[in-house]
Amino acid sequence: MEAPLPDPRPRLPERYELMRLLGQGGMGAVWLARDRSLDRLVAIKILKHFGRPDLQQRFDRSLSS
């Protein structure tokens, strides 16, 4: 059985206002949010297997792609 995705509305610092879920996959979910400090839209990825070194490395590699 696959692990559940993070809470549908993850808790984030007040700086971010979640707007809507953009997509989800094997590593987690991506949300559209507004960064109140910068007054712009951002994408926030919430990992569902936080703390696993192998998945952290995979996530880090995806940031540079």
Foldseek 3Di string as FASTA:
>chain_A
DQDDAPDLDDDDPPQKDWDHWPDADNFHTKTWIARNVVRHIDIDGDGPPPPDVVVVVVVVVVVVD
